[in-house]
Amino acid sequence: MFTNPRWLGIAALLAAASAWGAMFIVSKQMLAYVDPFWFTFIRYGIAGILLAALLLPRGAAPWRKLRANAAPLALRGAFGFGIFSVTLLTGLAQTEPAHGAVIMATTPMTTQLVRWALDGVRPARTTLLTTALALLGVATVAGVLSHASFGTTSTLHGDALILASTLAWVWYTRGATVFAQLPIVEYTALTVVAALPLLALGAVFATAFDFASVPSAQDLHTTWHAMIYVGVIASGLAVLAFNYGVRTLGAVTGTAFLNFVPVSALVIGAALGKLPTGNELLGAAMVITALLVHTAASVRSAKVTATPQPKPQAAAQRRPAGCTRAS
């Protein structure tokens, strides 16, 4: 069973979602020591080394492809790793890890809305309804609908930033089909490597304008275990697994597995003593329900589209003998 590409794709997507659920909790703790700009550069620097090593058995061929497509690959990587990560981490610093995981789970619906805007592919009515339900769930998690939330520290700004970050990730995910000629490991590795100079420049400029600060040696020593996890597992292997799953099962079905991210984040948070509130559980349930309905509708639509329609002449061949068409 597990040699079947479909099952391997499912396993890869579940592993990626679990790794990202844990990443929200680990990253939240690290932000007390390393700011989002340098955090992003360091994590993808580690991931870049790992992914580049995976390309070594392929010889010089991948690097020729990088030279031929350096600018578009760097741009995809800058959005998918730079803008996405900095915006996500900045928002995460102002909200709860479970909020970030729930909001990221709305990405499948965001993908459909982006296709509508860029490709002119209007979503089905079910997609629009599930998107509305998912956004309502995000609002519930953020406490927008709770009067009690106004008496406490608001997480709305952080939640909004995380929601905005999903747009950058959607655009990166679309690149896996734009560069369909590249194997998954090459697309993942080359976008990371090509984007690293841009991530470094972003961190330097942010520091120069006091939006960031270079982490001290003590800060790096304190967080190196977590940084290895985020860099190797969450930013390297998980991205590779996610891209493999998307290529195997398709973008819509693949991104639907992100509904497991909030589940794993809530479970891990509860295990660490951070029990979810009623609003968080209700909102997460709304988002996951929307994702399940959306995925079921997408799969059903794909099956209908793939079903071959009978050819017109086939009907003529089934007429009883002796019947002739009127002239």
Protein backbone atom coordinates (compact mmCIF):
# COMPACT_ATOMS: atom_id res chain seq x y z
CA MET A 1 0.00 0.00 0.00
CA PHE A 2 2.73 2.44 0.97
CA THR A 3 4.49 2.04 -2.37
CA ASN A 4 1.42 3.58 -4.04
CA PRO A 5 2.23 7.22 -4.97
CA ARG A 6 -1.15 8.39 -3.65
CA TRP A 7 -0.54 6.90 -0.20
CA LEU A 8 2.99 8.29 -0.17
CA GLY A 9 1.56 11.71 -1.02
CA ILE A 10 -0.94 11.46 1.84
CA ALA A 11 1.78 10.40 4.28
CA ALA A 12 4.03 13.25 3.14
CA LEU A 13 1.29 15.84 3.58
CA LEU A 14 0.35 14.57 7.05
CA ALA A 15 4.00 14.66 8.11
CA ALA A 16 4.40 18.22 6.82
CA ALA A 17 1.22 19.38 8.56
CA SER A 18 2.32 17.83 11.87
CA ALA A 19 5.75 19.43 11.61
CA TRP A 20 4.20 22.84 10.93
CA GLY A 21 1.77 22.50 13.83
CA ALA A 22 4.71 22.02 16.19
CA MET A 23 6.61 24.81 14.42
CA PHE A 24 4.10 27.44 15.57
CA ILE A 25 4.74 26.58 19.20
CA VAL A 26 8.53 26.37 18.82
CA SER A 27 8.71 29.60 16.79
CA LYS A 28 6.63 31.53 19.30
CA GLN A 29 9.20 30.74 21.98
CA MET A 30 12.14 31.63 19.72
CA LEU A 31 10.80 35.09 18.89
CA ALA A 32 11.76 36.23 22.36
CA TYR A 33 15.40 35.86 21.26
CA VAL A 34 15.56 36.22 17.46
CA ASP A 35 13.51 38.75 15.44
CA PRO A 36 11.48 37.63 12.37
CA PHE A 37 13.96 38.89 9.73
CA TRP A 38 17.02 37.14 11.09
CA PHE A 39 14.94 34.15 12.15
CA THR A 40 13.80 33.78 8.52
CA PHE A 41 17.31 34.08 7.09
CA ILE A 42 18.84 31.62 9.58
CA ARG A 43 16.09 29.00 9.27
CA TYR A 44 16.25 28.96 5.47
CA GLY A 45 20.03 29.11 5.53
CA ILE A 46 19.96 25.84 7.46
CA ALA A 47 17.27 24.44 5.16
CA GLY A 48 19.26 25.55 2.10
CA ILE A 49 22.33 23.58 3.20
CA LEU A 50 20.22 20.47 3.71
CA LEU A 51 18.40 20.81 0.39
CA ALA A 52 21.57 21.60 -1.55
CA ALA A 53 23.13 18.42 -0.15
CA LEU A 54 20.15 16.46 -1.50
CA LEU A 55 21.00 17.76 -4.98
CA LEU A 56 24.62 16.56 -4.92
CA PRO A 57 23.86 13.13 -6.45
CA ARG A 58 22.25 14.91 -9.42
CA GLY A 59 25.52 16.51 -10.48
CA ALA A 60 25.63 19.89 -12.24
CA ALA A 61 22.23 19.63 -13.97
CA PRO A 62 20.18 21.33 -11.20
CA TRP A 63 22.62 24.23 -10.99
CA ARG A 64 22.38 24.79 -14.74
CA LYS A 65 18.61 25.04 -14.31
CA LEU A 66 19.16 27.53 -11.50
CA ARG A 67 21.34 29.72 -13.72
CA ALA A 68 18.76 29.57 -16.51
CA ASN A 69 15.84 30.47 -14.19
CA ALA A 70 17.58 32.37 -11.40
CA ALA A 71 15.31 35.44 -11.33
CA PRO A 72 11.90 33.71 -11.36
CA LEU A 73 13.05 31.05 -8.88
CA ALA A 74 14.46 33.72 -6.56
CA LEU A 75 11.21 35.67 -6.78
CA ARG A 76 9.12 32.60 -5.91
CA GLY A 77 11.43 31.83 -3.02
CA ALA A 78 11.39 35.42 -1.77
CA PHE A 79 7.60 35.31 -1.56
CA GLY A 80 7.27 31.75 -0.31
CA PHE A 81 10.01 31.97 2.30
CA GLY A 82 10.83 35.64 2.85
CA ILE A 83 7.59 37.62 2.76
CA PHE A 84 5.56 34.67 4.00
CA SER A 85 7.87 33.87 6.91
CA VAL A 86 8.53 37.44 8.08
CA THR A 87 4.85 38.36 7.97
CA LEU A 88 3.85 35.11 9.67
CA LEU A 89 6.43 35.45 12.45
CA THR A 90 5.63 39.12 13.00
CA GLY A 91 1.99 38.18 13.42
CA LEU A 92 2.84 35.17 15.59
CA ALA A 93 4.69 37.45 18.01
CA GLN A 94 1.38 39.22 18.64
CA THR A 95 -0.96 36.23 18.88
CA GLU A 96 -1.21 32.62 20.03
CA PRO A 97 0.37 29.67 18.18
CA ALA A 98 -3.03 27.97 17.87
CA HIS A 99 -4.43 31.08 16.18
CA GLY A 100 -1.66 31.01 13.60
CA ALA A 101 -2.20 27.32 12.88
CA VAL A 102 -5.96 27.77 12.44
CA ILE A 103 -5.51 30.76 10.13
CA MET A 104 -2.95 28.91 8.00
CA ALA A 105 -5.52 26.15 7.56
CA THR A 106 -7.68 28.53 5.49
CA THR A 107 -5.07 28.42 2.70
CA PRO A 108 -7.04 25.99 0.47
CA MET A 109 -9.89 28.50 0.19
CA THR A 110 -7.42 31.33 -0.31
CA THR A 111 -5.92 29.30 -3.16
CA GLN A 112 -9.28 29.21 -4.92
CA LEU A 113 -9.83 32.96 -4.48
CA VAL A 114 -6.36 33.68 -5.89
CA ARG A 115 -7.14 31.48 -8.91
CA TRP A 116 -10.33 33.49 -9.39
CA ALA A 117 -8.39 36.76 -9.28
CA LEU A 118 -5.42 35.69 -11.43
CA ASP A 119 -6.78 33.01 -13.73
CA GLY A 120 -10.42 34.00 -13.99
CA VAL A 121 -11.53 30.61 -12.63
CA ARG A 122 -14.63 31.43 -10.61
CA PRO A 123 -14.98 29.22 -7.51
CA ALA A 124 -18.03 27.03 -7.16
CA ARG A 125 -20.78 28.10 -4.81
CA THR A 126 -19.64 25.48 -2.30
CA THR A 127 -16.15 27.02 -2.26
CA LEU A 128 -17.53 30.48 -1.60
CA LEU A 129 -19.73 29.18 1.23
CA THR A 130 -16.90 27.19 2.84
CA THR A 131 -14.61 30.20 2.54
CA ALA A 132 -17.16 32.31 4.40
CA LEU A 133 -17.44 29.60 7.09
CA ALA A 134 -13.65 29.36 7.42
CA LEU A 135 -13.28 33.12 7.79
CA LEU A 136 -16.04 33.12 10.38
CA GLY A 137 -14.10 30.41 12.20
CA VAL A 138 -10.94 32.53 12.10
CA ALA A 139 -12.91 35.47 13.50
CA THR A 140 -14.20 33.21 16.29
CA VAL A 141 -10.69 32.01 17.15
CA ALA A 142 -9.45 35.61 17.22
CA GLY A 143 -12.27 36.55 19.60
CA VAL A 144 -13.82 39.09 17.25
CA LEU A 145 -17.30 37.80 18.05
CA SER A 146 -16.74 37.68 21.81
CA HIS A 147 -17.52 40.78 23.87
CA ALA A 148 -15.16 39.51 26.56
CA SER A 149 -12.23 39.78 24.16
CA PHE A 150 -12.34 43.56 24.22
CA GLY A 151 -11.31 43.59 27.87
CA THR A 152 -8.14 41.62 27.18
CA THR A 153 -5.08 42.06 25.02
CA SER A 154 -6.24 41.84 21.41
CA THR A 155 -4.60 39.43 18.99
CA LEU A 156 -6.43 40.86 15.99
CA HIS A 157 -3.42 42.60 14.45
CA GLY A 158 -1.26 39.49 14.67
CA ASP A 159 -4.05 37.31 13.32
CA ALA A 160 -4.56 39.68 10.36
CA LEU A 161 -0.84 39.57 9.52
CA ILE A 162 -0.86 35.77 9.50
CA LEU A 163 -3.91 35.77 7.24
CA ALA A 164 -2.09 38.13 4.85
CA SER A 165 0.99 35.87 4.88
CA THR A 166 -1.02 33.02 3.39
CA LEU A 167 -1.25 34.93 0.10
CA ALA A 168 2.53 34.76 -0.31
CA TRP A 169 2.50 31.03 0.40
CA VAL A 170 -0.28 30.45 -2.15
CA TRP A 171 1.77 32.20 -4.81
CA TYR A 172 4.79 30.05 -3.98
CA THR A 173 2.68 26.88 -4.12
CA ARG A 174 1.40 27.84 -7.58
CA GLY A 175 5.00 27.91 -8.74
CA ALA A 176 5.24 24.12 -8.33
CA THR A 177 2.99 23.82 -11.39
CA VAL A 178 4.59 26.74 -13.26
CA PHE A 179 7.96 24.92 -12.97
CA ALA A 180 6.47 21.49 -13.61
CA GLN A 181 9.63 20.49 -15.50
CA LEU A 182 11.57 20.59 -12.22
CA PRO A 183 11.40 17.56 -9.92
CA ILE A 184 10.03 18.38 -6.45
CA VAL A 185 13.40 18.25 -4.71
CA GLU A 186 14.88 20.60 -7.30
CA TYR A 187 12.03 23.12 -7.17
CA THR A 188 12.17 23.19 -3.37
CA ALA A 189 15.97 23.39 -3.12
CA LEU A 190 16.50 25.87 -5.94
CA THR A 191 13.85 28.30 -4.71
CA VAL A 192 15.42 28.26 -1.24
CA VAL A 193 18.98 28.68 -2.50
CA ALA A 194 18.02 31.37 -5.04
CA ALA A 195 16.14 33.34 -2.39
CA LEU A 196 18.89 33.27 0.27
CA PRO A 197 20.71 36.43 -1.00
CA LEU A 198 17.38 38.29 -0.97
CA LEU A 199 16.62 37.05 2.55
CA ALA A 200 20.06 38.20 3.71
CA LEU A 201 19.57 41.64 2.13
CA GLY A 202 16.16 41.90 3.76
CA ALA A 203 17.61 41.17 7.20
CA VAL A 204 20.48 43.65 6.70
CA PHE A 205 18.21 46.47 5.48
CA ALA A 206 15.71 45.80 8.27
CA THR A 207 18.54 46.05 10.80
CA ALA A 208 19.87 49.26 9.21
CA PHE A 209 16.43 50.88 9.57
CA ASP A 210 15.88 49.54 13.11
CA PHE A 211 13.18 47.07 12.13
CA ALA A 212 15.38 44.19 13.24
CA SER A 213 18.46 43.47 15.36
CA VAL A 214 21.28 40.98 14.87
CA PRO A 215 20.88 38.13 17.39
CA SER A 216 23.67 37.82 19.93
CA ALA A 217 25.80 34.73 20.38
CA GLN A 218 23.95 34.05 23.64
CA ASP A 219 20.59 34.25 21.85
CA LEU A 220 21.76 31.76 19.23
CA HIS A 221 23.16 29.45 21.89
CA THR A 222 19.86 29.51 23.75
CA THR A 223 17.78 28.72 20.69
CA TRP A 224 20.01 26.45 18.60
CA HIS A 225 17.98 23.29 19.35
CA ALA A 226 14.77 24.95 18.24
CA MET A 227 16.49 26.56 15.24
CA ILE A 228 17.71 23.16 14.05
CA TYR A 229 14.15 21.83 14.28
CA VAL A 230 12.66 24.79 12.44
CA GLY A 231 15.44 24.85 9.84
CA VAL A 232 15.83 21.13 9.12
CA ILE A 233 12.41 19.65 9.85
CA ALA A 234 9.85 22.44 9.40
CA SER A 235 11.62 24.52 6.73
CA GLY A 236 13.45 21.78 4.85
CA LEU A 237 11.97 18.31 5.02
CA ALA A 238 8.39 19.49 5.60
CA VAL A 239 8.45 21.86 2.61
CA LEU A 240 9.89 19.05 0.49
CA ALA A 241 7.18 16.68 1.70
CA PHE A 242 4.45 19.26 1.11
CA ASN A 243 5.61 19.97 -2.45
CA TYR A 244 5.73 16.22 -3.15
CA GLY A 245 2.19 15.84 -1.87
CA VAL A 246 0.92 18.76 -3.95
CA ARG A 247 2.59 17.38 -7.09
CA THR A 248 1.14 13.90 -6.40
CA LEU A 249 -2.41 14.79 -5.35
CA GLY A 250 -2.90 18.25 -6.87
CA ALA A 251 -2.84 21.72 -5.33
CA VAL A 252 -6.44 21.74 -4.10
CA THR A 253 -6.35 18.31 -2.44
CA GLY A 254 -2.79 18.82 -1.24
CA THR A 255 -3.41 22.12 0.51
CA ALA A 256 -6.54 20.63 2.12
CA PHE A 257 -4.23 18.61 4.36
CA LEU A 258 -3.35 21.87 6.07
CA ASN A 259 -6.49 21.25 8.13
CA PHE A 260 -4.30 18.97 10.25
CA VAL A 261 -1.99 21.86 11.19
CA PRO A 262 -4.38 23.42 13.76
CA VAL A 263 -5.27 19.98 15.11
CA SER A 264 -1.63 19.15 15.80
CA ALA A 265 -0.96 22.63 17.24
CA LEU A 266 -3.92 22.38 19.61
CA VAL A 267 -2.98 18.86 20.69
CA ILE A 268 0.69 19.73 21.27
CA GLY A 269 -0.28 22.95 23.08
CA ALA A 270 -2.65 21.02 25.35
CA ALA A 271 0.08 18.46 26.07
CA LEU A 272 2.35 21.34 27.12
CA GLY A 273 -0.31 22.73 29.45
CA LYS A 274 -1.89 25.42 27.20
CA LEU A 275 -5.49 24.29 27.06
CA PRO A 276 -7.52 25.83 24.21
CA THR A 277 -10.36 28.20 25.04
CA GLY A 278 -13.96 27.61 23.99
CA ASN A 279 -13.62 30.20 21.21
CA GLU A 280 -10.49 28.51 19.88
CA LEU A 281 -12.10 25.06 19.84
CA LEU A 282 -15.29 26.36 18.20
CA GLY A 283 -13.38 28.39 15.60
CA ALA A 284 -11.02 25.51 14.82
CA ALA A 285 -13.99 23.18 14.38
CA MET A 286 -15.60 25.65 11.95
CA VAL A 287 -12.42 25.96 9.90
CA ILE A 288 -11.83 22.20 9.77
CA THR A 289 -15.48 21.57 8.84
CA ALA A 290 -15.17 24.10 6.01
CA LEU A 291 -12.00 22.39 4.80
CA LEU A 292 -13.56 18.93 4.84
CA VAL A 293 -16.63 20.10 2.90
CA HIS A 294 -14.41 22.03 0.48
CA THR A 295 -12.17 19.02 -0.11
CA ALA A 296 -15.10 16.63 -0.62
CA ALA A 297 -16.67 19.01 -3.15
CA SER A 298 -13.35 19.45 -4.97
CA VAL A 299 -12.77 15.72 -5.22
CA ARG A 300 -16.34 15.13 -6.45
CA SER A 301 -15.94 17.86 -9.07
CA ALA A 302 -12.63 16.38 -10.23
CA LYS A 303 -14.24 12.96 -10.66
CA VAL A 304 -17.09 14.40 -12.70
CA THR A 305 -14.65 16.29 -14.91
CA ALA A 306 -12.53 13.18 -15.45
CA THR A 307 -15.50 11.00 -16.42
CA PRO A 308 -15.49 10.57 -20.23
CA GLN A 309 -18.66 11.75 -21.91
CA PRO A 310 -20.29 9.53 -24.58
CA LYS A 311 -19.54 10.59 -28.11
CA PRO A 312 -22.49 11.79 -30.22
CA GLN A 313 -21.96 9.10 -32.83
CA ALA A 314 -22.21 6.43 -30.18
CA ALA A 315 -25.89 7.26 -29.70
CA ALA A 316 -26.48 6.90 -33.45
CA GLN A 317 -24.85 3.49 -33.43
CA ARG A 318 -27.27 2.32 -30.74
CA ARG A 319 -30.42 3.02 -32.89
CA PRO A 320 -32.48 -0.09 -33.62
CA ALA A 321 -31.91 -1.65 -37.01
CA GLY A 322 -34.08 -0.26 -39.75
CA CYS A 323 -34.42 3.19 -38.18
CA THR A 324 -33.25 5.98 -40.43
CA ARG A 325 -32.80 9.65 -39.68
CA ALA A 326 -35.32 11.94 -41.39
CA SER A 327 -33.81 14.10 -44.05
